[in-house]
Amino acid sequence: MKKLAKIFLMGMYLHLVLSIAVPMGMLYFGDSGWNTVVMGLFEFYLAMAVIVHIAGWVCVAAAVMAYCRNEADNLRKGWKWLKLWSIPFYILNFLYSCLVWFVLVGASRGMMILLVPLPVIFTCILIVQSGCVGICYIMLLRKKHQKCPSGIHYALQFFPVIDIFSTILILKKQGDE
């Protein structure tokens, strides 16, 4: 589980790097419009975005299997790794996205505003995927009746920023800091 969480997390960071590098490459090579290099970069970016989401759902499936096998320690390590090490990703993603979308919407005189929900949805799905891993761990704790976290933590795993506080609170309650 921890290995899959690391792969998913690395994919998230790779996506962030590509979100910066690919548009810059497209601007550099796209002086004559949508040529084959620009199209190749764009298709590579989209393919990597899909791969990141596939890795996320594979991680969720592994969490469900760890839950079914009562592998609390394995599940806790993967969940902790995924939630806590993704904090810089979400901060950088938010800052970069605000900057880019501010520029794009301004440069297009508002026309690009229709596309703003796409990266937001992409990021929200990442939060849902890591939240599902958290849900599996919380369910296992409640099943084992070990310092049961409140049921509200199920919902908190799906809200940005609040999910981190929920994770830290549960880990402290479990004696894992």
N, C-alpha and C. Protein backbone atom coordinates (compact mmCIF):
# COMPACT_ATOMS: atom_id res chain seq x y z
N MET A 1 0.82 -1.19 0.00
CA MET A 1 0.00 0.00 0.00
C MET A 1 0.87 1.26 0.00
N LYS A 2 1.91 1.27 0.84
CA LYS A 2 2.77 2.45 0.92
C LYS A 2 3.47 2.71 -0.42
N LYS A 3 3.89 1.63 -1.07
CA LYS A 3 4.58 1.78 -2.36
C LYS A 3 3.63 2.38 -3.41
N LEU A 4 2.39 1.93 -3.42
CA LEU A 4 1.41 2.49 -4.37
C LEU A 4 1.09 3.94 -4.04
N ALA A 5 1.03 4.26 -2.75
CA ALA A 5 0.80 5.65 -2.34
C ALA A 5 1.95 6.53 -2.83
N LYS A 6 3.18 6.03 -2.73
CA LYS A 6 4.34 6.79 -3.20
C LYS A 6 4.28 7.00 -4.71
N ILE A 7 3.89 5.97 -5.44
CA ILE A 7 3.79 6.08 -6.90
C ILE A 7 2.73 7.11 -7.28
N PHE A 8 1.58 7.05 -6.61
CA PHE A 8 0.51 8.01 -6.86
C PHE A 8 1.00 9.43 -6.55
N LEU A 9 1.67 9.58 -5.43
CA LEU A 9 2.18 10.89 -5.03
C LEU A 9 3.22 11.41 -6.03
N MET A 10 4.12 10.54 -6.47
CA MET A 10 5.11 10.96 -7.47
C MET A 10 4.41 11.37 -8.76
N GLY A 11 3.35 10.67 -9.12
CA GLY A 11 2.58 11.04 -10.31
C GLY A 11 1.95 12.41 -10.17
N MET A 12 1.48 12.73 -8.96
CA MET A 12 0.89 14.04 -8.73
C MET A 12 1.94 15.14 -8.93
N TYR A 13 3.12 14.93 -8.37
CA TYR A 13 4.19 15.92 -8.53
C TYR A 13 4.67 16.00 -9.98
N LEU A 14 4.73 14.87 -10.66
CA LEU A 14 5.11 14.88 -12.07
C LEU A 14 4.09 15.67 -12.88
N HIS A 15 2.83 15.49 -12.57
CA HIS A 15 1.78 16.25 -13.26
C HIS A 15 1.97 17.75 -13.04
N LEU A 16 2.33 18.13 -11.82
CA LEU A 16 2.55 19.55 -11.53
C LEU A 16 3.72 20.10 -12.34
N VAL A 17 4.80 19.34 -12.41
CA VAL A 17 5.97 19.77 -13.20
C VAL A 17 5.57 19.88 -14.68
N LEU A 18 4.84 18.90 -15.16
CA LEU A 18 4.41 18.94 -16.57
C LEU A 18 3.44 20.09 -16.82
N SER A 19 2.65 20.46 -15.81
CA SER A 19 1.72 21.59 -15.96
C SER A 19 2.47 22.89 -16.20
N ILE A 20 3.70 22.93 -15.76
CA ILE A 20 4.53 24.11 -15.97
C ILE A 20 5.36 23.96 -17.25
N ALA A 21 6.00 22.79 -17.42
CA ALA A 21 6.92 22.58 -18.53
C ALA A 21 6.22 22.48 -19.89
N VAL A 22 5.11 21.78 -19.95
CA VAL A 22 4.45 21.56 -21.25
C VAL A 22 3.93 22.88 -21.84
N PRO A 23 3.21 23.71 -21.10
CA PRO A 23 2.79 24.98 -21.72
C PRO A 23 3.97 25.85 -22.16
N MET A 24 5.06 25.83 -21.38
CA MET A 24 6.24 26.59 -21.79
C MET A 24 6.81 26.01 -23.09
N GLY A 25 6.87 24.70 -23.19
CA GLY A 25 7.34 24.05 -24.41
C GLY A 25 6.43 24.34 -25.58
N MET A 26 5.13 24.36 -25.31
CA MET A 26 4.17 24.65 -26.38
C MET A 26 4.35 26.08 -26.89
N LEU A 27 4.61 27.00 -25.97
CA LEU A 27 4.85 28.39 -26.39
C LEU A 27 6.15 28.50 -27.18
N TYR A 28 7.17 27.79 -26.73
CA TYR A 28 8.48 27.86 -27.39
C TYR A 28 8.44 27.26 -28.79
N PHE A 29 7.82 26.06 -28.91
CA PHE A 29 7.80 25.37 -30.20
C PHE A 29 6.60 25.74 -31.07
N GLY A 30 5.66 26.46 -30.50
CA GLY A 30 4.42 26.74 -31.22
C GLY A 30 4.37 28.07 -31.93
N ASP A 31 5.51 28.57 -32.35
CA ASP A 31 5.53 29.87 -33.03
C ASP A 31 4.75 29.86 -34.34
N SER A 32 4.57 28.67 -34.92
CA SER A 32 3.81 28.59 -36.17
C SER A 32 2.46 27.92 -35.96
N GLY A 33 1.99 27.88 -34.73
CA GLY A 33 0.68 27.28 -34.45
C GLY A 33 0.80 25.87 -33.91
N TRP A 34 -0.25 25.11 -34.12
CA TRP A 34 -0.33 23.74 -33.60
C TRP A 34 0.41 22.77 -34.52
N ASN A 35 1.73 22.73 -34.40
CA ASN A 35 2.52 21.82 -35.21
C ASN A 35 2.62 20.46 -34.50
N THR A 36 3.37 19.54 -35.06
CA THR A 36 3.43 18.18 -34.51
C THR A 36 4.12 18.14 -33.14
N VAL A 37 5.10 18.99 -32.91
CA VAL A 37 5.77 19.02 -31.61
C VAL A 37 4.80 19.50 -30.53
N VAL A 38 4.08 20.56 -30.82
CA VAL A 38 3.12 21.12 -29.86
C VAL A 38 2.02 20.10 -29.58
N MET A 39 1.52 19.47 -30.63
CA MET A 39 0.47 18.45 -30.44
C MET A 39 1.01 17.28 -29.62
N GLY A 40 2.26 16.88 -29.89
CA GLY A 40 2.87 15.78 -29.14
C GLY A 40 3.00 16.12 -27.65
N LEU A 41 3.44 17.34 -27.36
CA LEU A 41 3.54 17.77 -25.97
C LEU A 41 2.18 17.77 -25.28
N PHE A 42 1.20 18.30 -25.97
CA PHE A 42 -0.15 18.36 -25.41
C PHE A 42 -0.72 16.96 -25.18
N GLU A 43 -0.54 16.06 -26.13
CA GLU A 43 -1.03 14.68 -25.97
C GLU A 43 -0.30 13.96 -24.85
N PHE A 44 1.02 14.20 -24.72
CA PHE A 44 1.80 13.61 -23.63
C PHE A 44 1.27 14.11 -22.29
N TYR A 45 0.98 15.39 -22.19
CA TYR A 45 0.45 15.98 -20.95
C TYR A 45 -0.89 15.34 -20.59
N LEU A 46 -1.76 15.22 -21.55
CA LEU A 46 -3.08 14.61 -21.29
C LEU A 46 -2.94 13.13 -20.89
N ALA A 47 -2.04 12.42 -21.57
CA ALA A 47 -1.82 11.01 -21.24
C ALA A 47 -1.31 10.87 -19.81
N MET A 48 -0.39 11.73 -19.41
CA MET A 48 0.14 11.67 -18.05
C MET A 48 -0.93 12.01 -17.02
N ALA A 49 -1.83 12.92 -17.35
CA ALA A 49 -2.93 13.25 -16.44
C ALA A 49 -3.82 12.03 -16.22
N VAL A 50 -4.09 11.31 -17.29
CA VAL A 50 -4.90 10.09 -17.19
C VAL A 50 -4.16 9.04 -16.35
N ILE A 51 -2.87 8.90 -16.57
CA ILE A 51 -2.08 7.91 -15.82
C ILE A 51 -2.07 8.24 -14.33
N VAL A 52 -1.98 9.52 -13.99
CA VAL A 52 -2.02 9.91 -12.58
C VAL A 52 -3.34 9.48 -11.94
N HIS A 53 -4.44 9.69 -12.65
CA HIS A 53 -5.73 9.28 -12.10
C HIS A 53 -5.87 7.77 -12.02
N ILE A 54 -5.33 7.07 -12.98
CA ILE A 54 -5.35 5.60 -12.90
C ILE A 54 -4.55 5.14 -11.68
N ALA A 55 -3.39 5.75 -11.46
CA ALA A 55 -2.58 5.42 -10.28
C ALA A 55 -3.35 5.70 -9.00
N GLY A 56 -4.10 6.78 -8.99
CA GLY A 56 -4.92 7.11 -7.82
C GLY A 56 -5.98 6.07 -7.54
N TRP A 57 -6.66 5.61 -8.59
CA TRP A 57 -7.71 4.60 -8.38
C TRP A 57 -7.10 3.24 -8.04
N VAL A 58 -5.92 2.95 -8.56
CA VAL A 58 -5.21 1.71 -8.17
C VAL A 58 -4.87 1.78 -6.68
N CYS A 59 -4.44 2.95 -6.23
CA CYS A 59 -4.13 3.15 -4.82
C CYS A 59 -5.38 2.96 -3.96
N VAL A 60 -6.50 3.46 -4.43
CA VAL A 60 -7.77 3.27 -3.70
C VAL A 60 -8.12 1.78 -3.64
N ALA A 61 -7.97 1.08 -4.75
CA ALA A 61 -8.25 -0.37 -4.77
C ALA A 61 -7.34 -1.11 -3.80
N ALA A 62 -6.06 -0.71 -3.74
CA ALA A 62 -5.13 -1.34 -2.80
C ALA A 62 -5.55 -1.05 -1.36
N ALA A 63 -6.06 0.14 -1.11
CA ALA A 63 -6.53 0.48 0.23
C ALA A 63 -7.74 -0.37 0.62
N VAL A 64 -8.63 -0.58 -0.32
CA VAL A 64 -9.80 -1.43 -0.05
C VAL A 64 -9.35 -2.86 0.24
N MET A 65 -8.38 -3.36 -0.53
CA MET A 65 -7.87 -4.71 -0.28
C MET A 65 -7.17 -4.79 1.07
N ALA A 66 -6.42 -3.75 1.44
CA ALA A 66 -5.76 -3.72 2.75
C ALA A 66 -6.80 -3.71 3.86
N TYR A 67 -7.89 -2.99 3.63
CA TYR A 67 -8.99 -2.98 4.60
C TYR A 67 -9.58 -4.38 4.75
N CYS A 68 -9.84 -5.03 3.64
CA CYS A 68 -10.43 -6.37 3.66
C CYS A 68 -9.51 -7.38 4.35
N ARG A 69 -8.21 -7.18 4.25
CA ARG A 69 -7.25 -8.10 4.88
C ARG A 69 -6.86 -7.64 6.29
N ASN A 70 -7.51 -6.60 6.79
CA ASN A 70 -7.24 -6.05 8.13
C ASN A 70 -5.78 -5.65 8.32
N GLU A 71 -5.18 -5.06 7.29
CA GLU A 71 -3.79 -4.62 7.34
C GLU A 71 -3.73 -3.16 7.78
N ALA A 72 -4.02 -2.93 9.05
CA ALA A 72 -4.10 -1.57 9.57
C ALA A 72 -2.78 -0.83 9.45
N ASP A 73 -1.69 -1.46 9.78
CA ASP A 73 -0.39 -0.79 9.74
C ASP A 73 -0.01 -0.40 8.32
N ASN A 74 -0.21 -1.32 7.41
CA ASN A 74 0.08 -1.06 6.00
C ASN A 74 -0.79 0.08 5.46
N LEU A 75 -2.05 0.04 5.80
CA LEU A 75 -3.00 1.06 5.35
C LEU A 75 -2.67 2.42 5.97
N ARG A 76 -2.33 2.44 7.26
CA ARG A 76 -1.97 3.67 7.94
C ARG A 76 -0.74 4.31 7.30
N LYS A 77 0.27 3.51 6.99
CA LYS A 77 1.50 4.04 6.40
C LYS A 77 1.21 4.67 5.03
N GLY A 78 0.44 3.98 4.21
CA GLY A 78 0.11 4.52 2.89
C GLY A 78 -0.72 5.79 2.99
N TRP A 79 -1.70 5.78 3.88
CA TRP A 79 -2.58 6.95 4.07
C TRP A 79 -1.79 8.13 4.59
N LYS A 80 -0.96 7.89 5.60
CA LYS A 80 -0.15 8.96 6.20
C LYS A 80 0.80 9.55 5.14
N TRP A 81 1.44 8.68 4.39
CA TRP A 81 2.36 9.14 3.34
C TRP A 81 1.61 9.99 2.32
N LEU A 82 0.48 9.50 1.87
CA LEU A 82 -0.28 10.18 0.83
C LEU A 82 -0.83 11.52 1.31
N LYS A 83 -1.40 11.57 2.48
CA LYS A 83 -2.01 12.81 2.96
C LYS A 83 -0.97 13.86 3.33
N LEU A 84 0.04 13.47 4.08
CA LEU A 84 0.97 14.47 4.60
C LEU A 84 1.99 14.93 3.57
N TRP A 85 2.45 14.04 2.71
CA TRP A 85 3.43 14.43 1.70
C TRP A 85 2.80 15.12 0.49
N SER A 86 1.48 15.14 0.42
CA SER A 86 0.83 15.83 -0.69
C SER A 86 0.55 17.30 -0.37
N ILE A 87 0.80 17.72 0.87
CA ILE A 87 0.54 19.11 1.25
C ILE A 87 1.27 20.10 0.34
N PRO A 88 2.59 19.95 0.13
CA PRO A 88 3.27 20.90 -0.78
C PRO A 88 2.69 20.87 -2.20
N PHE A 89 2.29 19.69 -2.67
CA PHE A 89 1.70 19.59 -4.00
C PHE A 89 0.47 20.49 -4.11
N TYR A 90 -0.44 20.39 -3.14
CA TYR A 90 -1.68 21.17 -3.21
C TYR A 90 -1.42 22.67 -3.07
N ILE A 91 -0.45 23.05 -2.26
CA ILE A 91 -0.12 24.47 -2.12
C ILE A 91 0.46 25.00 -3.44
N LEU A 92 1.45 24.29 -3.99
CA LEU A 92 2.05 24.72 -5.25
C LEU A 92 1.04 24.68 -6.39
N ASN A 93 0.21 23.66 -6.43
CA ASN A 93 -0.81 23.54 -7.46
C ASN A 93 -1.79 24.71 -7.40
N PHE A 94 -2.21 25.07 -6.19
CA PHE A 94 -3.13 26.18 -6.02
C PHE A 94 -2.50 27.49 -6.49
N LEU A 95 -1.28 27.76 -6.04
CA LEU A 95 -0.61 29.01 -6.41
C LEU A 95 -0.37 29.10 -7.91
N TYR A 96 0.14 28.02 -8.49
CA TYR A 96 0.41 28.00 -9.93
C TYR A 96 -0.90 28.15 -10.72
N SER A 97 -1.92 27.43 -10.31
CA SER A 97 -3.20 27.49 -11.02
C SER A 97 -3.81 28.89 -10.97
N CYS A 98 -3.75 29.52 -9.81
CA CYS A 98 -4.28 30.88 -9.71
C CYS A 98 -3.55 31.83 -10.65
N LEU A 99 -2.23 31.73 -10.66
CA LEU A 99 -1.43 32.59 -11.53
C LEU A 99 -1.77 32.36 -13.00
N VAL A 100 -1.73 31.09 -13.41
CA VAL A 100 -1.96 30.77 -14.82
C VAL A 100 -3.37 31.14 -15.25
N TRP A 101 -4.35 30.80 -14.45
CA TRP A 101 -5.72 31.08 -14.86
C TRP A 101 -6.03 32.57 -14.82
N PHE A 102 -5.41 33.30 -13.92
CA PHE A 102 -5.57 34.75 -13.90
C PHE A 102 -5.04 35.35 -15.21
N VAL A 103 -3.86 34.88 -15.62
CA VAL A 103 -3.26 35.38 -16.86
C VAL A 103 -4.10 34.95 -18.07
N LEU A 104 -4.48 33.68 -18.12
CA LEU A 104 -5.24 33.20 -19.28
C LEU A 104 -6.61 33.86 -19.41
N VAL A 105 -7.30 34.00 -18.31
CA VAL A 105 -8.62 34.64 -18.36
C VAL A 105 -8.46 36.11 -18.74
N GLY A 106 -7.44 36.76 -18.17
CA GLY A 106 -7.21 38.16 -18.51
C GLY A 106 -6.81 38.34 -19.96
N ALA A 107 -5.91 37.49 -20.43
CA ALA A 107 -5.43 37.62 -21.81
C ALA A 107 -6.52 37.31 -22.83
N SER A 108 -7.44 36.45 -22.46
CA SER A 108 -8.52 36.09 -23.39
C SER A 108 -9.76 36.97 -23.20
N ARG A 109 -9.63 37.95 -22.32
CA ARG A 109 -10.74 38.86 -22.01
C ARG A 109 -11.97 38.10 -21.52
N GLY A 110 -11.71 37.09 -20.73
CA GLY A 110 -12.78 36.35 -20.10
C GLY A 110 -13.23 35.09 -20.82
N MET A 111 -12.78 34.89 -22.04
CA MET A 111 -13.23 33.73 -22.82
C MET A 111 -12.80 32.40 -22.20
N MET A 112 -11.60 32.37 -21.60
CA MET A 112 -11.06 31.13 -21.03
C MET A 112 -11.71 30.76 -19.70
N ILE A 113 -12.56 31.60 -19.17
CA ILE A 113 -13.19 31.32 -17.88
C ILE A 113 -14.00 30.03 -17.93
N LEU A 114 -14.45 29.68 -19.12
CA LEU A 114 -15.22 28.44 -19.28
C LEU A 114 -14.38 27.20 -19.00
N LEU A 115 -13.04 27.31 -19.13
CA LEU A 115 -12.17 26.17 -18.93
C LEU A 115 -11.64 26.06 -17.49
N VAL A 116 -11.86 27.06 -16.67
CA VAL A 116 -11.35 27.06 -15.30
C VAL A 116 -11.81 25.83 -14.51
N PRO A 117 -13.03 25.35 -14.65
CA PRO A 117 -13.44 24.19 -13.86
C PRO A 117 -12.64 22.91 -14.15
N LEU A 118 -12.01 22.80 -15.30
CA LEU A 118 -11.30 21.56 -15.63
C LEU A 118 -10.16 21.24 -14.66
N PRO A 119 -9.22 22.15 -14.41
CA PRO A 119 -8.17 21.81 -13.45
C PRO A 119 -8.69 21.69 -12.02
N VAL A 120 -9.76 22.42 -11.72
CA VAL A 120 -10.35 22.31 -10.38
C VAL A 120 -10.92 20.90 -10.19
N ILE A 121 -11.62 20.41 -11.19
CA ILE A 121 -12.17 19.06 -11.12
C ILE A 121 -11.05 18.03 -11.05
N PHE A 122 -10.00 18.23 -11.83
CA PHE A 122 -8.85 17.32 -11.80
C PHE A 122 -8.30 17.21 -10.39
N THR A 123 -8.08 18.35 -9.74
CA THR A 123 -7.52 18.37 -8.39
C THR A 123 -8.51 17.79 -7.38
N CYS A 124 -9.78 18.07 -7.54
CA CYS A 124 -10.78 17.53 -6.61
C CYS A 124 -10.83 16.01 -6.68
N ILE A 125 -10.65 15.45 -7.84
CA ILE A 125 -10.63 13.99 -7.97
C ILE A 125 -9.42 13.41 -7.23
N LEU A 126 -8.29 14.10 -7.27
CA LEU A 126 -7.12 13.66 -6.51
C LEU A 126 -7.43 13.65 -5.02
N ILE A 127 -8.14 14.66 -4.56
CA ILE A 127 -8.52 14.74 -3.14
C ILE A 127 -9.48 13.60 -2.79
N VAL A 128 -10.41 13.31 -3.69
CA VAL A 128 -11.35 12.20 -3.46
C VAL A 128 -10.58 10.88 -3.36
N GLN A 129 -9.61 10.68 -4.23
CA GLN A 129 -8.85 9.44 -4.21
C GLN A 129 -8.09 9.27 -2.90
N SER A 130 -7.40 10.31 -2.45
CA SER A 130 -6.68 10.19 -1.17
C SER A 130 -7.67 10.10 -0.02
N GLY A 131 -8.83 10.73 -0.17
CA GLY A 131 -9.87 10.63 0.86
C GLY A 131 -10.41 9.22 0.99
N CYS A 132 -10.52 8.52 -0.13
CA CYS A 132 -10.98 7.12 -0.09
C CYS A 132 -10.00 6.24 0.69
N VAL A 133 -8.71 6.52 0.53
CA VAL A 133 -7.70 5.78 1.30
C VAL A 133 -7.90 6.06 2.79
N GLY A 134 -8.13 7.32 3.13
CA GLY A 134 -8.39 7.69 4.52
C GLY A 134 -9.65 7.02 5.07
N ILE A 135 -10.67 6.96 4.26
CA ILE A 135 -11.93 6.31 4.68
C ILE A 135 -11.67 4.85 5.02
N CYS A 136 -10.89 4.18 4.19
CA CYS A 136 -10.58 2.77 4.45
C CYS A 136 -9.87 2.60 5.80
N TYR A 137 -8.95 3.49 6.10
CA TYR A 137 -8.24 3.40 7.38
C TYR A 137 -9.19 3.68 8.55
N ILE A 138 -10.00 4.70 8.42
CA ILE A 138 -10.96 5.04 9.48
C ILE A 138 -11.94 3.88 9.70
N MET A 139 -12.42 3.28 8.61
CA MET A 139 -13.34 2.14 8.73
C MET A 139 -12.66 0.98 9.46
N LEU A 140 -11.40 0.75 9.16
CA LEU A 140 -10.67 -0.34 9.82
C LEU A 140 -10.48 -0.05 11.30
N LEU A 141 -10.18 1.19 11.64
CA LEU A 141 -10.06 1.56 13.06
C LEU A 141 -11.39 1.35 13.79
N ARG A 142 -12.48 1.77 13.16
CA ARG A 142 -13.79 1.63 13.79
C ARG A 142 -14.19 0.15 13.89
N LYS A 143 -13.79 -0.62 12.89
CA LYS A 143 -14.09 -2.05 12.90
C LYS A 143 -13.35 -2.75 14.05
N LYS A 144 -12.12 -2.32 14.30
CA LYS A 144 -11.31 -2.91 15.36
C LYS A 144 -11.56 -2.26 16.71
N HIS A 145 -12.36 -1.19 16.74
CA HIS A 145 -12.69 -0.45 17.96
C HIS A 145 -11.45 0.05 18.67
N GLN A 146 -10.43 0.44 17.92
CA GLN A 146 -9.20 0.96 18.51
C GLN A 146 -9.24 2.48 18.49
N LYS A 147 -9.48 3.07 19.62
CA LYS A 147 -9.52 4.52 19.73
C LYS A 147 -10.28 5.10 18.54
N CYS A 148 -11.51 4.69 18.41
CA CYS A 148 -12.33 5.02 17.25
C CYS A 148 -12.43 6.52 16.99
N PRO A 149 -12.07 6.93 15.80
CA PRO A 149 -12.31 8.33 15.45
C PRO A 149 -13.79 8.55 15.21
N SER A 150 -14.22 9.76 15.41
CA SER A 150 -15.61 10.12 15.18
C SER A 150 -15.99 9.87 13.72
N GLY A 151 -17.25 9.59 13.50
CA GLY A 151 -17.74 9.36 12.14
C GLY A 151 -17.63 10.58 11.24
N ILE A 152 -17.50 11.76 11.82
CA ILE A 152 -17.37 12.99 11.03
C ILE A 152 -16.10 12.97 10.18
N HIS A 153 -15.11 12.19 10.62
CA HIS A 153 -13.84 12.13 9.88
C HIS A 153 -14.03 11.51 8.49
N TYR A 154 -15.08 10.73 8.31
CA TYR A 154 -15.35 10.20 6.97
C TYR A 154 -15.52 11.36 5.99
N ALA A 155 -16.36 12.30 6.36
CA ALA A 155 -16.63 13.44 5.48
C ALA A 155 -15.43 14.37 5.39
N LEU A 156 -14.72 14.55 6.50
CA LEU A 156 -13.60 15.49 6.51
C LEU A 156 -12.48 15.08 5.57
N GLN A 157 -12.38 13.80 5.24
CA GLN A 157 -11.32 13.33 4.35
C GLN A 157 -11.47 13.86 2.92
N PHE A 158 -12.63 14.43 2.60
CA PHE A 158 -12.87 14.90 1.24
C PHE A 158 -12.79 16.42 1.08
N PHE A 159 -12.46 17.13 2.15
CA PHE A 159 -12.39 18.58 2.07
C PHE A 159 -10.94 19.05 2.17
N PRO A 160 -10.49 19.81 1.16
CA PRO A 160 -9.10 20.29 1.18
C PRO A 160 -8.80 21.07 2.47
N VAL A 161 -7.63 20.93 2.96
CA VAL A 161 -7.08 21.54 4.16
C VAL A 161 -7.66 20.87 5.41
N ILE A 162 -8.97 20.77 5.49
CA ILE A 162 -9.59 20.13 6.65
C ILE A 162 -9.18 18.66 6.72
N ASP A 163 -8.97 18.02 5.57
CA ASP A 163 -8.55 16.62 5.56
C ASP A 163 -7.20 16.43 6.25
N ILE A 164 -6.33 17.41 6.14
CA ILE A 164 -5.02 17.32 6.78
C ILE A 164 -5.18 17.39 8.30
N PHE A 165 -6.03 18.31 8.77
CA PHE A 165 -6.27 18.40 10.22
C PHE A 165 -6.91 17.12 10.75
N SER A 166 -7.82 16.57 9.99
CA SER A 166 -8.46 15.31 10.37
C SER A 166 -7.42 14.19 10.45
N THR A 167 -6.55 14.12 9.45
CA THR A 167 -5.51 13.10 9.42
C THR A 167 -4.58 13.22 10.62
N ILE A 168 -4.13 14.43 10.90
CA ILE A 168 -3.22 14.64 12.03
C ILE A 168 -3.90 14.30 13.34
N LEU A 169 -5.16 14.69 13.48
CA LEU A 169 -5.91 14.39 14.71
C LEU A 169 -6.06 12.88 14.92
N ILE A 170 -6.38 12.17 13.87
CA ILE A 170 -6.53 10.71 13.98
C ILE A 170 -5.18 10.06 14.30
N LEU A 171 -4.13 10.50 13.63
CA LEU A 171 -2.80 9.92 13.88
C LEU A 171 -2.35 10.18 15.32
N LYS A 172 -2.62 11.38 15.84
CA LYS A 172 -2.26 11.68 17.23
C LYS A 172 -3.06 10.82 18.18
N LYS A 173 -4.33 10.64 17.88
CA LYS A 173 -5.19 9.82 18.74
C LYS A 173 -4.70 8.36 18.75
N GLN A 174 -4.12 7.94 17.64
CA GLN A 174 -3.60 6.57 17.53
C GLN A 174 -2.20 6.45 18.11
N GLY A 175 -1.62 7.58 18.53
CA GLY A 175 -0.27 7.55 19.09
C GLY A 175 0.81 7.61 18.03
N ASP A 176 0.47 8.01 16.81
CA ASP A 176 1.43 8.09 15.71
C ASP A 176 1.56 9.56 15.31
N GLU A 177 2.69 10.16 15.65
CA GLU A 177 2.83 11.59 15.34
C GLU A 177 3.81 11.81 14.27
